Amino acid sequence: MKMETDRLILRQWKSEDYQPYADLCSDAHVMRYFLAPLSREESDEQANKIQSLISERGWGFWAVELKETGQFIGFVGLHSQDENSGFPNAPFIEIGWRLSSEFWGLGYAPEAAEKALEFAFEELNVPSVYAFTTLQNLPSQRVMLKLGMVNTNQDFSHPKVAKGHRLERHCLYKITQKQWLEKSL
């Protein structure tokens, strides 16, 4: 399955995506709001898991490529968090993104994320979609706001981050199907 926007293609991962994905996951600037940059092995492991989830379900964190050049720029898509995730309001579908820093500030994240929300609300027919990030990650929070998401004011300690770590505290944003439909009119 492949989805298109004006400038982007969201699709299943290919083997040639793994090297550029490893490059972006080893970039300290891209990964500054994560616990650590990923090694090549960790990046490949993550890409394999993402790829297999898309194969199983038909959706997930899709690879994003530029229509014009076919270049892989990162991922945008959906993931499910189960009731044991430790996140407020779980289980839920989350939306997330990770793009190579050379493609930041060009509107690609919100453009691709809009397509992912369309899939969530029209194909999966979910009642709402959530997004979360560290309190310090203002760029991702700006994308969430551009998408019409609302801060739930349910800041929480990420269950996989050590107590007292600078990235422990996270915010949780949400958009309902109704809000998305109203915004899309």
N, C-alpha and C. Protein backbone atom coordinates (compact mmCIF):
# COMPACT_ATOMS: atom_id res chain seq x y z
N MET A 1 0.83 -1.19 0.00
CA MET A 1 0.00 0.00 0.00
C MET A 1 0.87 1.25 0.00
N LYS A 2 0.45 2.22 -0.75
CA LYS A 2 1.21 3.46 -0.89
C LYS A 2 0.22 4.61 -0.84
N MET A 3 0.60 5.69 -0.13
CA MET A 3 -0.23 6.89 -0.08
C MET A 3 0.61 8.06 -0.56
N GLU A 4 -0.06 9.02 -1.19
CA GLU A 4 0.66 10.17 -1.72
C GLU A 4 0.05 11.47 -1.23
N THR A 5 0.94 12.45 -1.06
CA THR A 5 0.53 13.83 -0.81
C THR A 5 1.06 14.63 -2.00
N ASP A 6 0.96 15.93 -1.95
CA ASP A 6 1.47 16.74 -3.07
C ASP A 6 2.95 16.47 -3.34
N ARG A 7 3.74 16.36 -2.25
CA ARG A 7 5.20 16.26 -2.43
C ARG A 7 5.81 14.95 -1.96
N LEU A 8 5.00 14.10 -1.30
CA LEU A 8 5.56 12.94 -0.62
C LEU A 8 4.85 11.64 -0.96
N ILE A 9 5.57 10.55 -0.74
CA ILE A 9 5.00 9.20 -0.82
C ILE A 9 5.23 8.53 0.52
N LEU A 10 4.17 7.98 1.09
CA LEU A 10 4.27 7.18 2.32
C LEU A 10 4.07 5.74 1.89
N ARG A 11 5.03 4.86 2.25
CA ARG A 11 5.03 3.50 1.73
C ARG A 11 5.71 2.53 2.69
N GLN A 12 5.61 1.26 2.33
CA GLN A 12 6.33 0.22 3.06
C GLN A 12 7.84 0.45 2.88
N TRP A 13 8.61 -0.01 3.85
CA TRP A 13 10.06 0.15 3.82
C TRP A 13 10.71 -0.77 2.79
N LYS A 14 11.83 -0.30 2.23
CA LYS A 14 12.65 -1.10 1.30
C LYS A 14 14.03 -1.25 1.92
N SER A 15 14.77 -2.24 1.46
CA SER A 15 16.11 -2.47 2.02
C SER A 15 17.02 -1.25 1.85
N GLU A 16 16.83 -0.50 0.77
CA GLU A 16 17.68 0.68 0.55
C GLU A 16 17.35 1.85 1.49
N ASP A 17 16.28 1.74 2.27
CA ASP A 17 15.96 2.77 3.27
C ASP A 17 16.81 2.62 4.52
N TYR A 18 17.36 1.44 4.74
CA TYR A 18 18.02 1.15 6.02
C TYR A 18 19.25 2.02 6.26
N GLN A 19 20.06 2.25 5.23
CA GLN A 19 21.26 3.07 5.43
C GLN A 19 20.91 4.53 5.75
N PRO A 20 20.03 5.18 4.95
CA PRO A 20 19.69 6.57 5.32
C PRO A 20 18.96 6.64 6.67
N TYR A 21 18.20 5.58 7.02
CA TYR A 21 17.55 5.58 8.33
C TYR A 21 18.61 5.48 9.44
N ALA A 22 19.59 4.64 9.23
CA ALA A 22 20.69 4.52 10.21
C ALA A 22 21.41 5.86 10.35
N ASP A 23 21.61 6.55 9.24
CA ASP A 23 22.27 7.86 9.27
C ASP A 23 21.48 8.85 10.11
N LEU A 24 20.17 8.90 9.91
CA LEU A 24 19.39 9.88 10.68
C LEU A 24 19.27 9.47 12.14
N CYS A 25 19.24 8.16 12.43
CA CYS A 25 19.14 7.70 13.83
C CYS A 25 20.47 7.83 14.58
N SER A 26 21.57 8.00 13.86
CA SER A 26 22.86 8.20 14.52
C SER A 26 23.21 9.68 14.64
N ASP A 27 22.34 10.55 14.09
CA ASP A 27 22.55 11.99 14.13
C ASP A 27 22.12 12.52 15.51
N ALA A 28 23.09 13.03 16.27
CA ALA A 28 22.81 13.51 17.64
C ALA A 28 21.76 14.62 17.65
N HIS A 29 21.73 15.45 16.60
CA HIS A 29 20.76 16.54 16.53
C HIS A 29 19.34 15.99 16.36
N VAL A 30 19.16 15.03 15.45
CA VAL A 30 17.85 14.41 15.22
C VAL A 30 17.38 13.70 16.49
N MET A 31 18.31 13.04 17.18
CA MET A 31 17.97 12.19 18.32
C MET A 31 18.05 12.91 19.67
N ARG A 32 18.14 14.24 19.67
CA ARG A 32 18.36 14.97 20.93
C ARG A 32 17.22 14.82 21.93
N TYR A 33 16.03 14.45 21.48
CA TYR A 33 14.91 14.26 22.40
C TYR A 33 14.65 12.78 22.69
N PHE A 34 15.60 11.93 22.30
CA PHE A 34 15.56 10.50 22.62
C PHE A 34 16.69 10.21 23.57
N LEU A 35 16.67 9.03 24.19
CA LEU A 35 17.69 8.71 25.19
C LEU A 35 19.09 8.70 24.60
N ALA A 36 19.24 8.21 23.37
CA ALA A 36 20.56 8.17 22.74
C ALA A 36 20.40 7.92 21.25
N PRO A 37 21.38 8.37 20.46
CA PRO A 37 21.38 7.97 19.05
C PRO A 37 21.45 6.44 18.96
N LEU A 38 21.02 5.90 17.83
CA LEU A 38 21.02 4.45 17.66
C LEU A 38 22.25 3.98 16.88
N SER A 39 22.73 2.81 17.24
CA SER A 39 23.80 2.17 16.46
C SER A 39 23.17 1.64 15.17
N ARG A 40 23.99 1.23 14.23
CA ARG A 40 23.48 0.67 12.97
C ARG A 40 22.61 -0.56 13.27
N GLU A 41 23.08 -1.38 14.19
CA GLU A 41 22.34 -2.59 14.55
C GLU A 41 20.97 -2.25 15.15
N GLU A 42 20.95 -1.29 16.06
CA GLU A 42 19.68 -0.88 16.69
C GLU A 42 18.73 -0.26 15.66
N SER A 43 19.28 0.54 14.76
CA SER A 43 18.48 1.18 13.72
C SER A 43 17.88 0.13 12.79
N ASP A 44 18.69 -0.83 12.36
CA ASP A 44 18.19 -1.90 11.48
C ASP A 44 17.11 -2.73 12.19
N GLU A 45 17.34 -2.99 13.47
CA GLU A 45 16.36 -3.74 14.27
C GLU A 45 15.02 -3.00 14.31
N GLN A 46 15.10 -1.69 14.54
CA GLN A 46 13.89 -0.87 14.60
C GLN A 46 13.19 -0.86 13.23
N ALA A 47 13.96 -0.68 12.16
CA ALA A 47 13.38 -0.67 10.81
C ALA A 47 12.74 -2.02 10.48
N ASN A 48 13.37 -3.11 10.87
CA ASN A 48 12.78 -4.45 10.66
C ASN A 48 11.45 -4.58 11.37
N LYS A 49 11.41 -4.11 12.62
CA LYS A 49 10.17 -4.20 13.41
C LYS A 49 9.07 -3.35 12.77
N ILE A 50 9.41 -2.13 12.37
CA ILE A 50 8.45 -1.24 11.71
C ILE A 50 7.92 -1.90 10.44
N GLN A 51 8.84 -2.44 9.64
CA GLN A 51 8.47 -3.07 8.38
C GLN A 51 7.54 -4.27 8.61
N SER A 52 7.85 -5.09 9.61
CA SER A 52 7.02 -6.27 9.85
C SER A 52 5.65 -5.89 10.40
N LEU A 53 5.56 -4.84 11.21
CA LEU A 53 4.26 -4.38 11.70
C LEU A 53 3.38 -3.89 10.54
N ILE A 54 3.98 -3.19 9.59
CA ILE A 54 3.22 -2.74 8.42
C ILE A 54 2.76 -3.96 7.61
N SER A 55 3.62 -4.95 7.45
CA SER A 55 3.24 -6.17 6.72
C SER A 55 2.07 -6.88 7.41
N GLU A 56 2.12 -6.95 8.73
CA GLU A 56 1.06 -7.62 9.50
C GLU A 56 -0.26 -6.88 9.45
N ARG A 57 -0.22 -5.55 9.68
CA ARG A 57 -1.45 -4.78 9.87
C ARG A 57 -1.89 -3.98 8.66
N GLY A 58 -0.93 -3.69 7.78
CA GLY A 58 -1.24 -2.83 6.64
C GLY A 58 -1.02 -1.35 6.94
N TRP A 59 -0.52 -1.04 8.13
CA TRP A 59 -0.25 0.35 8.51
C TRP A 59 0.84 0.38 9.58
N GLY A 60 1.40 1.57 9.79
CA GLY A 60 2.45 1.72 10.79
C GLY A 60 3.23 3.00 10.55
N PHE A 61 4.50 2.98 10.92
CA PHE A 61 5.38 4.13 10.66
C PHE A 61 5.92 3.97 9.24
N TRP A 62 5.21 4.55 8.27
CA TRP A 62 5.58 4.40 6.87
C TRP A 62 6.88 5.14 6.54
N ALA A 63 7.64 4.57 5.62
CA ALA A 63 8.79 5.27 5.05
C ALA A 63 8.25 6.44 4.24
N VAL A 64 8.94 7.58 4.32
CA VAL A 64 8.52 8.76 3.56
C VAL A 64 9.61 9.08 2.55
N GLU A 65 9.18 9.25 1.31
CA GLU A 65 10.14 9.64 0.27
C GLU A 65 9.62 10.87 -0.47
N LEU A 66 10.57 11.64 -0.98
CA LEU A 66 10.23 12.81 -1.79
C LEU A 66 9.77 12.32 -3.16
N LYS A 67 8.61 12.77 -3.60
CA LYS A 67 8.09 12.38 -4.92
C LYS A 67 9.07 12.75 -6.02
N GLU A 68 9.60 13.94 -5.92
CA GLU A 68 10.44 14.49 -6.99
C GLU A 68 11.72 13.68 -7.22
N THR A 69 12.33 13.19 -6.14
CA THR A 69 13.64 12.53 -6.27
C THR A 69 13.64 11.06 -5.85
N GLY A 70 12.58 10.63 -5.14
CA GLY A 70 12.56 9.26 -4.63
C GLY A 70 13.42 9.07 -3.39
N GLN A 71 13.95 10.17 -2.85
CA GLN A 71 14.84 10.09 -1.70
C GLN A 71 14.08 9.78 -0.41
N PHE A 72 14.58 8.82 0.38
CA PHE A 72 14.03 8.50 1.68
C PHE A 72 14.40 9.63 2.65
N ILE A 73 13.38 10.17 3.38
CA ILE A 73 13.68 11.28 4.30
C ILE A 73 13.35 10.96 5.75
N GLY A 74 12.76 9.77 6.01
CA GLY A 74 12.43 9.39 7.37
C GLY A 74 11.12 8.62 7.41
N PHE A 75 10.46 8.66 8.57
CA PHE A 75 9.16 7.99 8.67
C PHE A 75 8.12 8.90 9.29
N VAL A 76 6.87 8.62 8.93
CA VAL A 76 5.70 9.26 9.54
C VAL A 76 4.61 8.20 9.54
N GLY A 77 3.88 8.12 10.64
CA GLY A 77 2.79 7.15 10.61
C GLY A 77 2.19 6.89 11.96
N LEU A 78 1.61 5.71 12.07
CA LEU A 78 0.78 5.33 13.20
C LEU A 78 1.34 4.11 13.91
N HIS A 79 1.09 4.06 15.20
CA HIS A 79 1.53 2.92 16.01
C HIS A 79 0.49 2.73 17.11
N SER A 80 0.32 1.50 17.56
CA SER A 80 -0.63 1.28 18.65
C SER A 80 0.10 1.11 19.97
N GLN A 81 -0.44 1.72 20.99
CA GLN A 81 0.07 1.57 22.35
C GLN A 81 -0.98 0.78 23.12
N ASP A 82 -0.59 -0.33 23.71
CA ASP A 82 -1.58 -1.15 24.41
C ASP A 82 -1.80 -0.68 25.84
N GLU A 83 -2.76 -1.31 26.50
CA GLU A 83 -3.16 -0.87 27.84
C GLU A 83 -2.04 -1.03 28.87
N ASN A 84 -1.01 -1.83 28.56
CA ASN A 84 0.11 -2.02 29.49
C ASN A 84 1.29 -1.10 29.19
N SER A 85 1.10 -0.13 28.29
CA SER A 85 2.21 0.73 27.85
C SER A 85 2.69 1.69 28.94
N GLY A 86 1.82 1.99 29.90
CA GLY A 86 2.17 2.96 30.93
C GLY A 86 1.83 4.39 30.55
N PHE A 87 1.20 4.58 29.39
CA PHE A 87 0.82 5.91 28.93
C PHE A 87 -0.60 6.23 29.39
N PRO A 88 -0.88 7.50 29.74
CA PRO A 88 -2.26 7.88 30.07
C PRO A 88 -3.18 7.58 28.88
N ASN A 89 -4.41 7.18 29.16
CA ASN A 89 -5.47 6.95 28.16
C ASN A 89 -5.24 5.73 27.26
N ALA A 90 -4.17 4.96 27.48
CA ALA A 90 -3.93 3.78 26.65
C ALA A 90 -4.99 2.72 26.97
N PRO A 91 -5.38 1.90 26.00
CA PRO A 91 -4.77 1.76 24.68
C PRO A 91 -5.20 2.88 23.72
N PHE A 92 -4.29 3.21 22.77
CA PHE A 92 -4.63 4.20 21.76
C PHE A 92 -3.72 4.05 20.56
N ILE A 93 -4.12 4.73 19.48
CA ILE A 93 -3.29 4.83 18.28
C ILE A 93 -2.52 6.15 18.41
N GLU A 94 -1.21 6.07 18.22
CA GLU A 94 -0.40 7.29 18.25
C GLU A 94 0.06 7.62 16.84
N ILE A 95 0.34 8.88 16.63
CA ILE A 95 0.97 9.33 15.40
C ILE A 95 2.37 9.80 15.76
N GLY A 96 3.33 9.49 14.89
CA GLY A 96 4.70 9.89 15.17
C GLY A 96 5.47 10.13 13.88
N TRP A 97 6.65 10.74 14.03
CA TRP A 97 7.48 11.06 12.88
C TRP A 97 8.93 11.17 13.31
N ARG A 98 9.81 10.92 12.37
CA ARG A 98 11.24 11.16 12.55
C ARG A 98 11.82 11.39 11.16
N LEU A 99 12.25 12.63 10.93
CA LEU A 99 12.79 13.00 9.62
C LEU A 99 14.24 13.43 9.75
N SER A 100 14.98 13.21 8.69
CA SER A 100 16.36 13.68 8.61
C SER A 100 16.37 15.21 8.75
N SER A 101 17.32 15.74 9.51
CA SER A 101 17.30 17.18 9.84
C SER A 101 17.39 18.09 8.61
N GLU A 102 17.96 17.60 7.52
CA GLU A 102 18.04 18.46 6.32
C GLU A 102 16.66 18.74 5.73
N PHE A 103 15.65 18.00 6.19
CA PHE A 103 14.29 18.17 5.67
C PHE A 103 13.35 18.81 6.69
N TRP A 104 13.90 19.33 7.77
CA TRP A 104 13.09 20.02 8.77
C TRP A 104 12.72 21.41 8.26
N GLY A 105 11.60 21.91 8.75
CA GLY A 105 11.20 23.29 8.46
C GLY A 105 10.62 23.49 7.07
N LEU A 106 10.37 22.40 6.35
CA LEU A 106 9.83 22.50 4.98
C LEU A 106 8.38 22.04 4.91
N GLY A 107 7.81 21.73 6.08
CA GLY A 107 6.40 21.32 6.11
C GLY A 107 6.15 19.86 5.78
N TYR A 108 7.22 19.07 5.66
CA TYR A 108 7.04 17.65 5.31
C TYR A 108 6.38 16.84 6.43
N ALA A 109 6.76 17.09 7.68
CA ALA A 109 6.18 16.32 8.79
C ALA A 109 4.67 16.52 8.87
N PRO A 110 4.18 17.78 8.91
CA PRO A 110 2.72 17.93 8.96
C PRO A 110 2.02 17.42 7.69
N GLU A 111 2.66 17.58 6.54
CA GLU A 111 2.05 17.11 5.28
C GLU A 111 1.84 15.60 5.31
N ALA A 112 2.87 14.88 5.71
CA ALA A 112 2.76 13.41 5.78
C ALA A 112 1.85 12.99 6.92
N ALA A 113 1.92 13.70 8.05
CA ALA A 113 1.10 13.36 9.21
C ALA A 113 -0.38 13.56 8.92
N GLU A 114 -0.72 14.59 8.13
CA GLU A 114 -2.12 14.78 7.72
C GLU A 114 -2.63 13.54 6.99
N LYS A 115 -1.79 12.98 6.12
CA LYS A 115 -2.17 11.78 5.37
C LYS A 115 -2.35 10.59 6.32
N ALA A 116 -1.48 10.50 7.31
CA ALA A 116 -1.58 9.41 8.30
C ALA A 116 -2.86 9.56 9.13
N LEU A 117 -3.21 10.80 9.50
CA LEU A 117 -4.46 11.03 10.24
C LEU A 117 -5.67 10.66 9.38
N GLU A 118 -5.61 11.02 8.11
CA GLU A 118 -6.69 10.65 7.19
C GLU A 118 -6.87 9.12 7.19
N PHE A 119 -5.76 8.39 7.14
CA PHE A 119 -5.82 6.93 7.17
C PHE A 119 -6.43 6.44 8.49
N ALA A 120 -5.98 7.03 9.60
CA ALA A 120 -6.47 6.61 10.92
C ALA A 120 -7.98 6.81 11.04
N PHE A 121 -8.46 7.96 10.57
CA PHE A 121 -9.86 8.29 10.77
C PHE A 121 -10.78 7.72 9.68
N GLU A 122 -10.27 7.59 8.45
CA GLU A 122 -11.13 7.11 7.35
C GLU A 122 -11.02 5.60 7.13
N GLU A 123 -9.82 5.05 7.27
CA GLU A 123 -9.63 3.61 7.03
C GLU A 123 -9.78 2.80 8.32
N LEU A 124 -9.11 3.24 9.38
CA LEU A 124 -9.17 2.50 10.65
C LEU A 124 -10.39 2.89 11.48
N ASN A 125 -10.96 4.06 11.15
CA ASN A 125 -12.15 4.57 11.83
C ASN A 125 -11.97 4.63 13.35
N VAL A 126 -10.79 5.09 13.79
CA VAL A 126 -10.55 5.22 15.23
C VAL A 126 -11.19 6.51 15.74
N PRO A 127 -11.61 6.53 17.01
CA PRO A 127 -12.27 7.73 17.55
C PRO A 127 -11.30 8.89 17.81
N SER A 128 -10.01 8.56 18.06
CA SER A 128 -9.03 9.61 18.33
C SER A 128 -7.63 9.09 18.07
N VAL A 129 -6.70 10.03 17.93
CA VAL A 129 -5.28 9.71 17.73
C VAL A 129 -4.49 10.59 18.70
N TYR A 130 -3.49 10.00 19.31
CA TYR A 130 -2.64 10.70 20.29
C TYR A 130 -1.23 10.87 19.75
N ALA A 131 -0.51 11.79 20.34
CA ALA A 131 0.92 11.97 20.08
C ALA A 131 1.56 12.39 21.39
N PHE A 132 2.79 11.97 21.59
CA PHE A 132 3.49 12.37 22.82
C PHE A 132 4.95 12.65 22.49
N THR A 133 5.54 13.49 23.32
CA THR A 133 6.96 13.79 23.18
C THR A 133 7.45 14.39 24.49
N THR A 134 8.76 14.55 24.60
CA THR A 134 9.32 15.17 25.80
C THR A 134 8.83 16.63 25.88
N LEU A 135 8.77 17.13 27.09
CA LEU A 135 8.33 18.52 27.27
C LEU A 135 9.24 19.50 26.53
N GLN A 136 10.53 19.14 26.37
CA GLN A 136 11.49 20.03 25.70
C GLN A 136 11.33 20.07 24.17
N ASN A 137 10.64 19.06 23.61
CA ASN A 137 10.59 18.95 22.15
C ASN A 137 9.51 19.86 21.56
N LEU A 138 9.84 21.14 21.54
CA LEU A 138 8.90 22.14 21.02
C LEU A 138 8.65 22.00 19.52
N PRO A 139 9.66 21.63 18.69
CA PRO A 139 9.37 21.44 17.26
C PRO A 139 8.28 20.40 17.00
N SER A 140 8.33 19.26 17.70
CA SER A 140 7.27 18.25 17.50
C SER A 140 5.94 18.74 18.04
N GLN A 141 5.96 19.47 19.13
CA GLN A 141 4.71 20.01 19.66
C GLN A 141 4.09 21.00 18.67
N ARG A 142 4.93 21.76 17.95
CA ARG A 142 4.40 22.68 16.92
C ARG A 142 3.72 21.90 15.80
N VAL A 143 4.32 20.76 15.41
CA VAL A 143 3.69 19.92 14.38
C VAL A 143 2.34 19.42 14.88
N MET A 144 2.29 18.99 16.13
CA MET A 144 1.03 18.50 16.71
C MET A 144 -0.04 19.59 16.64
N LEU A 145 0.33 20.81 16.98
CA LEU A 145 -0.62 21.93 16.93
C LEU A 145 -1.06 22.22 15.49
N LYS A 146 -0.12 22.16 14.55
CA LYS A 146 -0.46 22.37 13.13
C LYS A 146 -1.48 21.34 12.65
N LEU A 147 -1.40 20.14 13.21
CA LEU A 147 -2.33 19.07 12.84
C LEU A 147 -3.70 19.24 13.48
N GLY A 148 -3.83 20.23 14.36
CA GLY A 148 -5.10 20.44 15.06
C GLY A 148 -5.21 19.64 16.34
N MET A 149 -4.09 19.07 16.79
CA MET A 149 -4.10 18.30 18.03
C MET A 149 -4.12 19.27 19.22
N VAL A 150 -4.63 18.77 20.34
CA VAL A 150 -4.79 19.60 21.54
C VAL A 150 -4.02 18.94 22.68
N ASN A 151 -3.30 19.76 23.44
CA ASN A 151 -2.60 19.24 24.62
C ASN A 151 -3.64 18.77 25.63
N THR A 152 -3.53 17.51 26.07
CA THR A 152 -4.50 16.97 27.03
C THR A 152 -4.21 17.43 28.45
N ASN A 153 -3.06 18.11 28.65
CA ASN A 153 -2.63 18.53 29.99
C ASN A 153 -2.51 17.35 30.94
N GLN A 154 -2.05 16.22 30.38
CA GLN A 154 -1.81 15.02 31.17
C GLN A 154 -0.33 14.66 31.09
N ASP A 155 0.54 15.62 31.44
CA ASP A 155 1.97 15.33 31.40
C ASP A 155 2.24 14.09 32.25
N PHE A 156 3.20 13.28 31.80
CA PHE A 156 3.47 12.00 32.46
C PHE A 156 4.95 11.66 32.39
N SER A 157 5.35 10.76 33.24
CA SER A 157 6.72 10.24 33.21
C SER A 157 6.75 9.05 32.28
N HIS A 158 7.59 9.12 31.23
CA HIS A 158 7.67 8.03 30.26
C HIS A 158 8.13 6.76 30.97
N PRO A 159 7.40 5.66 30.80
CA PRO A 159 7.72 4.43 31.54
C PRO A 159 9.10 3.82 31.20
N LYS A 160 9.67 4.22 30.06
CA LYS A 160 10.97 3.64 29.69
C LYS A 160 12.13 4.60 29.94
N VAL A 161 11.85 5.71 30.63
CA VAL A 161 12.90 6.69 30.92
C VAL A 161 13.13 6.72 32.43
N ALA A 162 14.40 6.68 32.81
CA ALA A 162 14.76 6.64 34.23
C ALA A 162 14.24 7.86 34.98
N LYS A 163 13.80 7.64 36.21
CA LYS A 163 13.34 8.73 37.09
C LYS A 163 14.43 9.78 37.19
N GLY A 164 14.05 11.03 37.05
CA GLY A 164 15.01 12.12 37.18
C GLY A 164 15.78 12.45 35.91
N HIS A 165 15.67 11.62 34.87
CA HIS A 165 16.35 11.91 33.60
C HIS A 165 15.74 13.16 32.99
N ARG A 166 16.54 13.96 32.31
CA ARG A 166 16.04 15.23 31.75
C ARG A 166 14.91 15.02 30.74
N LEU A 167 14.80 13.83 30.15
CA LEU A 167 13.75 13.55 29.16
C LEU A 167 12.58 12.74 29.74
N GLU A 168 12.55 12.60 31.06
CA GLU A 168 11.52 11.76 31.69
C GLU A 168 10.10 12.26 31.43
N ARG A 169 9.88 13.56 31.58
CA ARG A 169 8.53 14.11 31.50
C ARG A 169 8.09 14.33 30.05
N HIS A 170 6.89 13.86 29.75
CA HIS A 170 6.32 13.93 28.41
C HIS A 170 4.95 14.61 28.45
N CYS A 171 4.59 15.21 27.32
CA CYS A 171 3.24 15.76 27.16
C CYS A 171 2.47 14.85 26.21
N LEU A 172 1.16 14.93 26.30
CA LEU A 172 0.28 14.07 25.51
C LEU A 172 -0.72 14.95 24.76
N TYR A 173 -0.72 14.83 23.44
CA TYR A 173 -1.66 15.57 22.60
C TYR A 173 -2.66 14.61 22.00
N LYS A 174 -3.81 15.15 21.59
CA LYS A 174 -4.89 14.31 21.08
C LYS A 174 -5.68 15.07 20.03
N ILE A 175 -6.18 14.34 19.05
CA ILE A 175 -7.18 14.88 18.13
C ILE A 175 -8.25 13.80 17.96
N THR A 176 -9.51 14.22 18.02
CA THR A 176 -10.61 13.27 17.82
C THR A 176 -10.99 13.24 16.34
N GLN A 177 -11.68 12.19 15.98
CA GLN A 177 -12.16 12.08 14.60
C GLN A 177 -13.06 13.28 14.27
N LYS A 178 -13.89 13.67 15.22
CA LYS A 178 -14.80 14.82 15.04
C LYS A 178 -13.99 16.11 14.81
N GLN A 179 -12.97 16.35 15.63
CA GLN A 179 -12.13 17.55 15.47
C GLN A 179 -11.45 17.54 14.10
N TRP A 180 -10.98 16.35 13.71
CA TRP A 180 -10.29 16.24 12.42
C TRP A 180 -11.24 16.53 11.27
N LEU A 181 -12.45 15.98 11.34
CA LEU A 181 -13.44 16.21 10.29
C LEU A 181 -13.81 17.69 10.20
N GLU A 182 -13.99 18.34 11.35
CA GLU A 182 -14.33 19.76 11.36
C GLU A 182 -13.21 20.61 10.76
N LYS A 183 -11.98 20.22 11.07
CA LYS A 183 -10.81 20.95 10.56
C LYS A 183 -10.66 20.73 9.04
N SER A 184 -11.06 19.56 8.58
CA SER A 184 -10.89 19.21 7.16
C SER A 184 -11.95 19.83 6.25
N LEU A 185 -13.01 20.37 6.85
CA LEU A 185 -14.10 20.94 6.03
C LEU A 185 -13.68 22.23 5.36
